[in-house]
Amino acid sequence: MSLELLRSLVWMDYRLAVLFTVVIPLILLLWSTIQNVPAITQLLIIYWRVSSLLAITVYLMMPQWPVAYVTGWMALVLIPISLWFWVDLNEEISDRQDLIGQVFSSWRWGVTLYCVLAAIAQAFYLRCGFVAGAVQTPSCQVWLEPPLMFKEIFHAQARAGTLGFFAAVALIIYMLYLSYFVFVRLPKQGRSATGL
């Protein structure tokens, strides 16, 4: 694949990510809160907790740390799991035939499809996170361009290493919380989000 084609695909991926993983779920969260739809609101809160790994990844990419390629791929795997895992919420949401239920279900299928396709595509670039020096190759560098532009727009005065440090701290907290959930909460509550 040519570098220019890869660059256009990477930028398209970032644009789709902003649409599917930030803009639409934020609108849905506000809508479900205003309409008082607890099942959708609760699932979206779970979604935001899980998808925060995408934000961490963007900040890990600013100092060009290889771990960012792994965390970005992990986020794409965890997001669909978080949206479909909960039996009780799935039942409540599938019973809804109103507009918000239909829009939410459409978004959930759309973001799942996006995450699956993006995870398959990004799997070919996981080597950027594991092979020494691979992050400096042109194909790996292309993935860093959007986060670096984001840094120039929103954090022009900040050092990339400082932003990366805070992202690393956030990643440690994220992994501790995920470990706590998997090894402590999940065995107790199973696939019930409410724990009942």
N, C-alpha and C. Protein backbone atom coordinates (compact mmCIF):
# COMPACT_ATOMS: atom_id res chain seq x y z
N MET A 1 0.85 -1.18 0.00
CA MET A 1 0.00 0.00 0.00
C MET A 1 0.90 1.25 0.00
N SER A 2 0.55 2.19 -0.83
CA SER A 2 1.35 3.41 -0.90
C SER A 2 1.14 4.24 0.37
N LEU A 3 2.14 5.06 0.66
CA LEU A 3 2.10 5.87 1.87
C LEU A 3 0.96 6.90 1.80
N GLU A 4 0.71 7.44 0.62
CA GLU A 4 -0.36 8.43 0.46
C GLU A 4 -1.74 7.80 0.69
N LEU A 5 -1.93 6.58 0.18
CA LEU A 5 -3.20 5.88 0.40
C LEU A 5 -3.36 5.58 1.88
N LEU A 6 -2.30 5.10 2.52
CA LEU A 6 -2.35 4.83 3.96
C LEU A 6 -2.68 6.10 4.72
N ARG A 7 -2.05 7.22 4.37
CA ARG A 7 -2.30 8.49 5.04
C ARG A 7 -3.78 8.88 4.93
N SER A 8 -4.36 8.76 3.74
CA SER A 8 -5.78 9.13 3.58
C SER A 8 -6.68 8.19 4.37
N LEU A 9 -6.32 6.91 4.45
CA LEU A 9 -7.12 5.95 5.24
C LEU A 9 -7.00 6.24 6.74
N VAL A 10 -5.81 6.59 7.19
CA VAL A 10 -5.61 6.91 8.61
C VAL A 10 -6.42 8.14 8.99
N TRP A 11 -6.37 9.18 8.17
CA TRP A 11 -7.15 10.39 8.46
C TRP A 11 -8.65 10.10 8.43
N MET A 12 -9.08 9.25 7.49
CA MET A 12 -10.49 8.87 7.46
C MET A 12 -10.86 8.11 8.73
N ASP A 13 -9.96 7.23 9.19
CA ASP A 13 -10.20 6.48 10.42
C ASP A 13 -10.36 7.42 11.61
N TYR A 14 -9.51 8.43 11.72
CA TYR A 14 -9.61 9.37 12.84
C TYR A 14 -10.90 10.18 12.77
N ARG A 15 -11.30 10.57 11.56
CA ARG A 15 -12.56 11.32 11.41
C ARG A 15 -13.75 10.45 11.82
N LEU A 16 -13.75 9.19 11.37
CA LEU A 16 -14.82 8.28 11.76
C LEU A 16 -14.81 8.04 13.27
N ALA A 17 -13.62 7.94 13.84
CA ALA A 17 -13.51 7.73 15.29
C ALA A 17 -14.13 8.90 16.05
N VAL A 18 -13.84 10.11 15.61
CA VAL A 18 -14.41 11.29 16.29
C VAL A 18 -15.93 11.26 16.18
N LEU A 19 -16.45 10.92 15.01
CA LEU A 19 -17.90 10.88 14.81
C LEU A 19 -18.54 9.77 15.64
N PHE A 20 -18.05 8.54 15.49
CA PHE A 20 -18.70 7.38 16.12
C PHE A 20 -18.39 7.23 17.61
N THR A 21 -17.20 7.67 18.04
CA THR A 21 -16.83 7.40 19.43
C THR A 21 -16.87 8.63 20.33
N VAL A 22 -17.10 9.82 19.75
CA VAL A 22 -17.16 11.03 20.58
C VAL A 22 -18.47 11.79 20.37
N VAL A 23 -18.70 12.25 19.15
CA VAL A 23 -19.83 13.14 18.89
C VAL A 23 -21.18 12.44 19.11
N ILE A 24 -21.41 11.34 18.43
CA ILE A 24 -22.71 10.66 18.54
C ILE A 24 -22.98 10.16 19.95
N PRO A 25 -22.03 9.47 20.62
CA PRO A 25 -22.34 9.02 21.99
C PRO A 25 -22.56 10.16 22.98
N LEU A 26 -21.90 11.30 22.76
CA LEU A 26 -22.11 12.45 23.63
C LEU A 26 -23.54 12.98 23.46
N ILE A 27 -23.99 13.09 22.22
CA ILE A 27 -25.37 13.51 21.95
C ILE A 27 -26.36 12.52 22.55
N LEU A 28 -26.08 11.23 22.37
CA LEU A 28 -26.98 10.20 22.91
C LEU A 28 -27.03 10.24 24.43
N LEU A 29 -25.89 10.49 25.07
CA LEU A 29 -25.87 10.57 26.54
C LEU A 29 -26.72 11.74 27.02
N LEU A 30 -26.56 12.89 26.39
CA LEU A 30 -27.39 14.05 26.77
C LEU A 30 -28.87 13.77 26.53
N TRP A 31 -29.18 13.18 25.40
CA TRP A 31 -30.56 12.87 25.04
C TRP A 31 -31.18 11.88 26.04
N SER A 32 -30.45 10.80 26.34
CA SER A 32 -30.98 9.79 27.25
C SER A 32 -31.13 10.33 28.68
N THR A 33 -30.26 11.26 29.06
CA THR A 33 -30.37 11.87 30.38
C THR A 33 -31.60 12.77 30.44
N ILE A 34 -31.78 13.59 29.41
CA ILE A 34 -32.94 14.49 29.36
C ILE A 34 -34.25 13.70 29.30
N GLN A 35 -34.26 12.61 28.51
CA GLN A 35 -35.46 11.79 28.35
C GLN A 35 -35.66 10.80 29.51
N ASN A 36 -34.69 10.75 30.42
CA ASN A 36 -34.73 9.83 31.57
C ASN A 36 -34.88 8.38 31.11
N VAL A 37 -33.89 7.90 30.37
CA VAL A 37 -33.85 6.52 29.89
C VAL A 37 -32.66 5.85 30.59
N PRO A 38 -32.89 5.28 31.78
CA PRO A 38 -31.77 4.80 32.61
C PRO A 38 -30.90 3.73 31.95
N ALA A 39 -31.50 2.79 31.21
CA ALA A 39 -30.71 1.70 30.62
C ALA A 39 -29.71 2.25 29.61
N ILE A 40 -30.16 3.15 28.75
CA ILE A 40 -29.26 3.73 27.74
C ILE A 40 -28.22 4.62 28.41
N THR A 41 -28.65 5.41 29.39
CA THR A 41 -27.71 6.27 30.11
C THR A 41 -26.63 5.45 30.79
N GLN A 42 -27.04 4.37 31.46
CA GLN A 42 -26.07 3.54 32.17
C GLN A 42 -25.09 2.88 31.19
N LEU A 43 -25.61 2.39 30.06
CA LEU A 43 -24.73 1.75 29.08
C LEU A 43 -23.76 2.77 28.48
N LEU A 44 -24.23 3.99 28.26
CA LEU A 44 -23.35 5.03 27.73
C LEU A 44 -22.29 5.45 28.75
N ILE A 45 -22.62 5.44 30.02
CA ILE A 45 -21.61 5.74 31.05
C ILE A 45 -20.54 4.66 31.05
N ILE A 46 -20.97 3.41 30.94
CA ILE A 46 -20.01 2.30 30.84
C ILE A 46 -19.15 2.48 29.58
N TYR A 47 -19.81 2.84 28.48
CA TYR A 47 -19.09 3.07 27.23
C TYR A 47 -18.01 4.14 27.40
N TRP A 48 -18.36 5.27 28.03
CA TRP A 48 -17.39 6.36 28.19
C TRP A 48 -16.22 5.93 29.06
N ARG A 49 -16.47 5.11 30.06
CA ARG A 49 -15.36 4.62 30.89
C ARG A 49 -14.39 3.79 30.05
N VAL A 50 -14.97 2.90 29.23
CA VAL A 50 -14.13 2.02 28.41
C VAL A 50 -13.44 2.80 27.30
N SER A 51 -14.17 3.66 26.63
CA SER A 51 -13.61 4.37 25.47
C SER A 51 -12.61 5.45 25.86
N SER A 52 -12.50 5.75 27.14
CA SER A 52 -11.49 6.72 27.57
C SER A 52 -10.09 6.26 27.19
N LEU A 53 -9.94 4.96 26.92
CA LEU A 53 -8.66 4.43 26.47
C LEU A 53 -8.26 5.04 25.12
N LEU A 54 -9.23 5.41 24.31
CA LEU A 54 -8.92 6.08 23.04
C LEU A 54 -8.26 7.44 23.29
N ALA A 55 -8.80 8.19 24.25
CA ALA A 55 -8.21 9.50 24.58
C ALA A 55 -6.80 9.32 25.14
N ILE A 56 -6.63 8.33 25.99
CA ILE A 56 -5.30 8.03 26.53
C ILE A 56 -4.33 7.72 25.39
N THR A 57 -4.80 6.96 24.42
CA THR A 57 -3.97 6.58 23.27
C THR A 57 -3.50 7.80 22.49
N VAL A 58 -4.41 8.74 22.26
CA VAL A 58 -4.03 9.95 21.52
C VAL A 58 -2.89 10.67 22.23
N TYR A 59 -2.97 10.77 23.54
CA TYR A 59 -1.92 11.47 24.29
C TYR A 59 -0.63 10.64 24.38
N LEU A 60 -0.74 9.31 24.34
CA LEU A 60 0.47 8.48 24.31
C LEU A 60 1.17 8.57 22.96
N MET A 61 0.40 8.89 21.91
CA MET A 61 1.00 9.02 20.58
C MET A 61 1.76 10.33 20.41
N MET A 62 1.45 11.33 21.20
CA MET A 62 2.12 12.63 21.05
C MET A 62 3.62 12.53 21.27
N PRO A 63 4.11 11.81 22.30
CA PRO A 63 5.56 11.65 22.44
C PRO A 63 6.10 10.45 21.63
N GLN A 64 5.22 9.86 20.80
CA GLN A 64 5.58 8.74 19.92
C GLN A 64 5.99 7.49 20.69
N TRP A 65 5.25 7.19 21.74
CA TRP A 65 5.54 6.00 22.52
C TRP A 65 4.87 4.79 21.87
N PRO A 66 5.62 3.71 21.64
CA PRO A 66 5.08 2.54 20.94
C PRO A 66 3.86 1.90 21.61
N VAL A 67 3.75 2.01 22.93
CA VAL A 67 2.62 1.40 23.63
C VAL A 67 1.28 1.92 23.11
N ALA A 68 1.28 3.11 22.51
CA ALA A 68 0.04 3.71 22.01
C ALA A 68 -0.62 2.86 20.93
N TYR A 69 0.18 2.18 20.13
CA TYR A 69 -0.39 1.33 19.08
C TYR A 69 -1.16 0.16 19.69
N VAL A 70 -0.67 -0.33 20.81
CA VAL A 70 -1.33 -1.44 21.50
C VAL A 70 -2.59 -0.96 22.21
N THR A 71 -2.51 0.17 22.90
CA THR A 71 -3.68 0.67 23.63
C THR A 71 -4.80 1.08 22.67
N GLY A 72 -4.43 1.63 21.52
CA GLY A 72 -5.45 1.99 20.53
C GLY A 72 -6.18 0.77 20.02
N TRP A 73 -5.44 -0.29 19.76
CA TRP A 73 -6.05 -1.53 19.29
C TRP A 73 -6.92 -2.15 20.39
N MET A 74 -6.41 -2.13 21.63
CA MET A 74 -7.18 -2.67 22.76
C MET A 74 -8.51 -1.93 22.92
N ALA A 75 -8.49 -0.63 22.76
CA ALA A 75 -9.73 0.16 22.89
C ALA A 75 -10.75 -0.28 21.87
N LEU A 76 -10.30 -0.53 20.64
CA LEU A 76 -11.22 -0.97 19.58
C LEU A 76 -11.83 -2.34 19.87
N VAL A 77 -11.12 -3.16 20.60
CA VAL A 77 -11.64 -4.48 20.99
C VAL A 77 -12.59 -4.35 22.19
N LEU A 78 -12.23 -3.52 23.16
CA LEU A 78 -13.02 -3.41 24.38
C LEU A 78 -14.35 -2.67 24.20
N ILE A 79 -14.39 -1.71 23.27
CA ILE A 79 -15.61 -0.92 23.10
C ILE A 79 -16.81 -1.78 22.71
N PRO A 80 -16.73 -2.62 21.66
CA PRO A 80 -17.90 -3.45 21.34
C PRO A 80 -18.28 -4.41 22.47
N ILE A 81 -17.27 -4.93 23.16
CA ILE A 81 -17.57 -5.83 24.29
C ILE A 81 -18.38 -5.08 25.34
N SER A 82 -17.97 -3.84 25.64
CA SER A 82 -18.67 -3.07 26.67
C SER A 82 -20.11 -2.74 26.26
N LEU A 83 -20.35 -2.63 24.97
CA LEU A 83 -21.69 -2.26 24.50
C LEU A 83 -22.66 -3.44 24.43
N TRP A 84 -22.16 -4.66 24.35
CA TRP A 84 -23.03 -5.83 24.18
C TRP A 84 -22.97 -6.81 25.34
N PHE A 85 -22.12 -6.58 26.32
CA PHE A 85 -21.86 -7.55 27.38
C PHE A 85 -22.99 -7.70 28.38
N TRP A 86 -23.73 -6.63 28.65
CA TRP A 86 -24.64 -6.60 29.78
C TRP A 86 -26.03 -7.13 29.42
N VAL A 87 -26.38 -8.29 29.95
CA VAL A 87 -27.65 -8.95 29.62
C VAL A 87 -28.85 -8.10 30.03
N ASP A 88 -28.83 -7.57 31.25
CA ASP A 88 -29.99 -6.80 31.73
C ASP A 88 -30.21 -5.53 30.92
N LEU A 89 -29.14 -4.81 30.60
CA LEU A 89 -29.30 -3.59 29.80
C LEU A 89 -29.71 -3.91 28.37
N ASN A 90 -29.16 -4.98 27.82
CA ASN A 90 -29.54 -5.38 26.45
C ASN A 90 -31.03 -5.67 26.36
N GLU A 91 -31.58 -6.35 27.36
CA GLU A 91 -33.01 -6.67 27.35
C GLU A 91 -33.85 -5.41 27.42
N GLU A 92 -33.48 -4.50 28.32
CA GLU A 92 -34.25 -3.25 28.45
C GLU A 92 -34.18 -2.42 27.17
N ILE A 93 -33.01 -2.35 26.56
CA ILE A 93 -32.85 -1.54 25.36
C ILE A 93 -33.55 -2.17 24.17
N SER A 94 -33.51 -3.50 24.05
CA SER A 94 -34.17 -4.16 22.92
C SER A 94 -35.69 -4.04 23.01
N ASP A 95 -36.22 -3.83 24.21
CA ASP A 95 -37.67 -3.66 24.37
C ASP A 95 -38.14 -2.27 23.94
N ARG A 96 -37.22 -1.33 23.83
CA ARG A 96 -37.60 0.05 23.47
C ARG A 96 -37.84 0.15 21.97
N GLN A 97 -39.01 0.65 21.61
CA GLN A 97 -39.34 0.85 20.20
C GLN A 97 -39.47 2.33 19.85
N ASP A 98 -39.13 3.21 20.80
CA ASP A 98 -39.24 4.66 20.54
C ASP A 98 -38.03 5.15 19.76
N LEU A 99 -38.02 6.43 19.44
CA LEU A 99 -36.97 7.00 18.60
C LEU A 99 -35.59 6.87 19.23
N ILE A 100 -35.47 7.19 20.51
CA ILE A 100 -34.15 7.12 21.14
C ILE A 100 -33.63 5.69 21.17
N GLY A 101 -34.50 4.73 21.38
CA GLY A 101 -34.09 3.32 21.36
C GLY A 101 -33.60 2.90 19.99
N GLN A 102 -34.28 3.34 18.95
CA GLN A 102 -33.88 2.99 17.59
C GLN A 102 -32.57 3.68 17.20
N VAL A 103 -32.44 4.96 17.56
CA VAL A 103 -31.20 5.68 17.24
C VAL A 103 -30.03 5.08 18.01
N PHE A 104 -30.24 4.76 19.29
CA PHE A 104 -29.17 4.16 20.08
C PHE A 104 -28.76 2.81 19.50
N SER A 105 -29.74 1.98 19.15
CA SER A 105 -29.43 0.66 18.58
C SER A 105 -28.67 0.80 17.26
N SER A 106 -29.06 1.77 16.44
CA SER A 106 -28.36 2.01 15.17
C SER A 106 -26.91 2.42 15.43
N TRP A 107 -26.72 3.34 16.40
CA TRP A 107 -25.36 3.75 16.73
C TRP A 107 -24.56 2.58 17.27
N ARG A 108 -25.17 1.77 18.13
CA ARG A 108 -24.44 0.65 18.74
C ARG A 108 -23.95 -0.32 17.67
N TRP A 109 -24.82 -0.62 16.69
CA TRP A 109 -24.40 -1.49 15.59
C TRP A 109 -23.33 -0.81 14.75
N GLY A 110 -23.51 0.50 14.49
CA GLY A 110 -22.54 1.23 13.68
C GLY A 110 -21.17 1.30 14.31
N VAL A 111 -21.11 1.63 15.61
CA VAL A 111 -19.82 1.73 16.28
C VAL A 111 -19.18 0.35 16.43
N THR A 112 -19.99 -0.68 16.58
CA THR A 112 -19.45 -2.04 16.64
C THR A 112 -18.79 -2.41 15.32
N LEU A 113 -19.48 -2.15 14.22
CA LEU A 113 -18.92 -2.43 12.89
C LEU A 113 -17.64 -1.62 12.67
N TYR A 114 -17.69 -0.34 13.02
CA TYR A 114 -16.50 0.50 12.87
C TYR A 114 -15.33 -0.07 13.68
N CYS A 115 -15.56 -0.42 14.95
CA CYS A 115 -14.49 -0.92 15.81
C CYS A 115 -13.90 -2.24 15.29
N VAL A 116 -14.77 -3.13 14.82
CA VAL A 116 -14.29 -4.41 14.30
C VAL A 116 -13.42 -4.19 13.07
N LEU A 117 -13.89 -3.39 12.12
CA LEU A 117 -13.11 -3.13 10.91
C LEU A 117 -11.81 -2.39 11.22
N ALA A 118 -11.89 -1.40 12.12
CA ALA A 118 -10.69 -0.64 12.49
C ALA A 118 -9.69 -1.53 13.22
N ALA A 119 -10.17 -2.43 14.08
CA ALA A 119 -9.27 -3.33 14.81
C ALA A 119 -8.57 -4.28 13.85
N ILE A 120 -9.30 -4.77 12.85
CA ILE A 120 -8.68 -5.65 11.85
C ILE A 120 -7.61 -4.88 11.08
N ALA A 121 -7.93 -3.67 10.65
CA ALA A 121 -6.97 -2.87 9.89
C ALA A 121 -5.75 -2.50 10.74
N GLN A 122 -5.98 -2.11 11.99
CA GLN A 122 -4.87 -1.68 12.84
C GLN A 122 -4.04 -2.84 13.36
N ALA A 123 -4.56 -4.06 13.28
CA ALA A 123 -3.79 -5.23 13.71
C ALA A 123 -2.50 -5.36 12.90
N PHE A 124 -2.54 -4.91 11.64
CA PHE A 124 -1.35 -4.98 10.79
C PHE A 124 -0.26 -4.01 11.26
N TYR A 125 -0.62 -3.05 12.11
CA TYR A 125 0.34 -2.06 12.58
C TYR A 125 0.68 -2.24 14.05
N LEU A 126 0.27 -3.34 14.64
CA LEU A 126 0.65 -3.62 16.02
C LEU A 126 2.15 -3.78 16.15
N ARG A 127 2.80 -4.16 15.05
CA ARG A 127 4.27 -4.30 15.09
C ARG A 127 4.93 -2.97 15.48
N CYS A 128 4.24 -1.86 15.19
CA CYS A 128 4.79 -0.54 15.57
C CYS A 128 4.96 -0.45 17.07
N GLY A 129 4.18 -1.21 17.83
CA GLY A 129 4.26 -1.20 19.28
C GLY A 129 5.18 -2.25 19.86
N PHE A 130 5.58 -3.23 19.04
CA PHE A 130 6.36 -4.35 19.58
C PHE A 130 7.78 -4.47 19.02
N VAL A 131 7.98 -4.06 17.79
CA VAL A 131 9.29 -4.19 17.15
C VAL A 131 10.13 -2.95 17.44
N ALA A 132 11.31 -3.15 17.97
CA ALA A 132 12.18 -2.02 18.32
C ALA A 132 12.47 -1.18 17.08
N GLY A 133 12.26 0.12 17.20
CA GLY A 133 12.55 1.05 16.12
C GLY A 133 11.47 1.14 15.05
N ALA A 134 10.46 0.28 15.11
CA ALA A 134 9.42 0.28 14.08
C ALA A 134 8.61 1.58 14.09
N VAL A 135 8.49 2.21 15.24
CA VAL A 135 7.71 3.43 15.35
C VAL A 135 8.28 4.54 14.46
N GLN A 136 9.54 4.44 14.09
CA GLN A 136 10.17 5.45 13.23
C GLN A 136 9.97 5.18 11.74
N THR A 137 9.40 4.04 11.38
CA THR A 137 9.18 3.74 9.96
C THR A 137 8.04 4.63 9.44
N PRO A 138 8.07 4.95 8.14
CA PRO A 138 7.05 5.85 7.59
C PRO A 138 5.62 5.36 7.81
N SER A 139 5.36 4.05 7.70
CA SER A 139 3.99 3.57 7.87
C SER A 139 3.50 3.71 9.31
N CYS A 140 4.40 3.61 10.27
CA CYS A 140 4.01 3.81 11.67
C CYS A 140 3.87 5.30 11.98
N GLN A 141 4.71 6.12 11.37
CA GLN A 141 4.67 7.56 11.59
C GLN A 141 3.35 8.18 11.11
N VAL A 142 2.78 7.59 10.06
CA VAL A 142 1.52 8.12 9.53
C VAL A 142 0.42 8.11 10.60
N TRP A 143 0.41 7.09 11.46
CA TRP A 143 -0.60 6.99 12.51
C TRP A 143 -0.45 8.07 13.57
N LEU A 144 0.72 8.68 13.63
CA LEU A 144 0.98 9.72 14.63
C LEU A 144 0.57 11.12 14.15
N GLU A 145 0.36 11.29 12.87
CA GLU A 145 0.08 12.62 12.32
C GLU A 145 -1.17 13.27 12.93
N PRO A 146 -2.32 12.60 12.99
CA PRO A 146 -3.49 13.26 13.59
C PRO A 146 -3.30 13.64 15.06
N PRO A 147 -2.74 12.76 15.92
CA PRO A 147 -2.51 13.20 17.31
C PRO A 147 -1.54 14.37 17.41
N LEU A 148 -0.53 14.40 16.55
CA LEU A 148 0.41 15.51 16.59
C LEU A 148 -0.24 16.81 16.13
N MET A 149 -1.17 16.73 15.17
CA MET A 149 -1.90 17.93 14.77
C MET A 149 -2.83 18.39 15.90
N PHE A 150 -3.46 17.42 16.58
CA PHE A 150 -4.31 17.73 17.73
C PHE A 150 -3.48 18.46 18.79
N LYS A 151 -2.27 17.98 19.02
CA LYS A 151 -1.38 18.63 20.00
C LYS A 151 -1.08 20.07 19.58
N GLU A 152 -0.79 20.28 18.32
CA GLU A 152 -0.47 21.62 17.84
C GLU A 152 -1.64 22.58 18.01
N ILE A 153 -2.85 22.06 17.86
CA ILE A 153 -4.04 22.91 17.96
C ILE A 153 -4.38 23.20 19.42
N PHE A 154 -4.39 22.17 20.27
CA PHE A 154 -4.89 22.32 21.64
C PHE A 154 -3.81 22.41 22.72
N HIS A 155 -2.61 21.96 22.42
CA HIS A 155 -1.54 21.94 23.43
C HIS A 155 -0.22 22.43 22.83
N ALA A 156 -0.27 23.49 22.08
CA ALA A 156 0.92 23.95 21.35
C ALA A 156 2.09 24.26 22.28
N GLN A 157 1.82 24.76 23.46
CA GLN A 157 2.90 25.14 24.37
C GLN A 157 3.39 23.99 25.25
N ALA A 158 2.65 22.91 25.29
CA ALA A 158 3.01 21.78 26.17
C ALA A 158 4.06 20.89 25.51
N ARG A 159 4.90 20.31 26.34
CA ARG A 159 5.89 19.35 25.84
C ARG A 159 5.21 18.00 25.65
N ALA A 160 5.56 17.32 24.56
CA ALA A 160 4.96 16.02 24.26
C ALA A 160 5.24 15.01 25.38
N GLY A 161 6.43 15.07 25.96
CA GLY A 161 6.78 14.15 27.04
C GLY A 161 5.92 14.35 28.28
N THR A 162 5.58 15.59 28.57
CA THR A 162 4.72 15.88 29.72
C THR A 162 3.32 15.34 29.49
N LEU A 163 2.80 15.57 28.29
CA LEU A 163 1.47 15.03 27.96
C LEU A 163 1.48 13.51 28.00
N GLY A 164 2.56 12.92 27.51
CA GLY A 164 2.70 11.47 27.54
C GLY A 164 2.77 10.94 28.96
N PHE A 165 3.45 11.68 29.85
CA PHE A 165 3.54 11.26 31.25
C PHE A 165 2.15 11.18 31.88
N PHE A 166 1.34 12.24 31.67
CA PHE A 166 -0.01 12.22 32.23
C PHE A 166 -0.85 11.11 31.61
N ALA A 167 -0.63 10.84 30.33
CA ALA A 167 -1.34 9.74 29.67
C ALA A 167 -0.92 8.39 30.26
N ALA A 168 0.37 8.26 30.57
CA ALA A 168 0.86 7.01 31.17
C ALA A 168 0.26 6.80 32.55
N VAL A 169 0.15 7.87 33.32
CA VAL A 169 -0.50 7.77 34.64
C VAL A 169 -1.96 7.37 34.46
N ALA A 170 -2.64 7.99 33.50
CA ALA A 170 -4.04 7.63 33.22
C ALA A 170 -4.15 6.18 32.78
N LEU A 171 -3.19 5.70 32.00
CA LEU A 171 -3.20 4.30 31.56
C LEU A 171 -3.03 3.35 32.74
N ILE A 172 -2.17 3.69 33.67
CA ILE A 172 -1.98 2.85 34.86
C ILE A 172 -3.28 2.78 35.67
N ILE A 173 -3.93 3.92 35.86
CA ILE A 173 -5.20 3.95 36.58
C ILE A 173 -6.25 3.14 35.82
N TYR A 174 -6.29 3.29 34.51
CA TYR A 174 -7.23 2.54 33.67
C TYR A 174 -7.01 1.04 33.84
N MET A 175 -5.75 0.59 33.77
CA MET A 175 -5.44 -0.84 33.88
C MET A 175 -5.76 -1.37 35.28
N LEU A 176 -5.53 -0.56 36.31
CA LEU A 176 -5.88 -0.99 37.66
C LEU A 176 -7.39 -1.16 37.81
N TYR A 177 -8.15 -0.19 37.26
CA TYR A 177 -9.61 -0.28 37.32
C TYR A 177 -10.10 -1.47 36.51
N LEU A 178 -9.54 -1.69 35.32
CA LEU A 178 -9.95 -2.84 34.49
C LEU A 178 -9.63 -4.15 35.20
N SER A 179 -8.47 -4.23 35.83
CA SER A 179 -8.11 -5.45 36.58
C SER A 179 -9.07 -5.68 37.75
N TYR A 180 -9.39 -4.60 38.46
CA TYR A 180 -10.34 -4.71 39.57
C TYR A 180 -11.69 -5.22 39.05
N PHE A 181 -12.14 -4.67 37.93
CA PHE A 181 -13.42 -5.09 37.37
C PHE A 181 -13.39 -6.57 36.98
N VAL A 182 -12.35 -6.99 36.27
CA VAL A 182 -12.27 -8.36 35.75
C VAL A 182 -12.12 -9.38 36.89
N PHE A 183 -11.30 -9.07 37.88
CA PHE A 183 -10.98 -10.06 38.90
C PHE A 183 -11.82 -9.96 40.17
N VAL A 184 -12.48 -8.83 40.42
CA VAL A 184 -13.26 -8.67 41.65
C VAL A 184 -14.75 -8.52 41.34
N ARG A 185 -15.11 -7.50 40.56
CA ARG A 185 -16.53 -7.22 40.33
C ARG A 185 -17.21 -8.23 39.41
N LEU A 186 -16.56 -8.59 38.32
CA LEU A 186 -17.17 -9.49 37.34
C LEU A 186 -17.56 -10.84 37.93
N PRO A 187 -16.70 -11.48 38.74
CA PRO A 187 -17.12 -12.76 39.34
C PRO A 187 -18.34 -12.62 40.26
N LYS A 188 -18.51 -11.44 40.88
CA LYS A 188 -19.64 -11.24 41.79
C LYS A 188 -20.93 -10.91 41.05
N GLN A 189 -20.86 -10.00 40.07
CA GLN A 189 -22.10 -9.54 39.43
C GLN A 189 -22.39 -10.19 38.10
N GLY A 190 -21.44 -10.89 37.51
CA GLY A 190 -21.67 -11.55 36.22
C GLY A 190 -21.96 -10.52 35.13
N ARG A 191 -22.88 -10.85 34.26
CA ARG A 191 -23.18 -9.98 33.12
C ARG A 191 -24.33 -9.02 33.40
N SER A 192 -24.57 -8.77 34.66
CA SER A 192 -25.60 -7.80 35.05
C SER A 192 -24.94 -6.48 35.41
N ALA A 193 -25.28 -5.43 34.68
CA ALA A 193 -24.69 -4.12 34.95
C ALA A 193 -25.19 -3.54 36.28
N THR A 194 -26.41 -3.92 36.66
CA THR A 194 -26.98 -3.41 37.90
C THR A 194 -26.55 -4.24 39.10
N GLY A 195 -25.98 -5.42 38.85
CA GLY A 195 -25.53 -6.28 39.92
C GLY A 195 -26.64 -7.04 40.61
N LEU A 196 -27.83 -7.04 40.01
CA LEU A 196 -28.97 -7.73 40.63
C LEU A 196 -29.09 -9.15 40.12
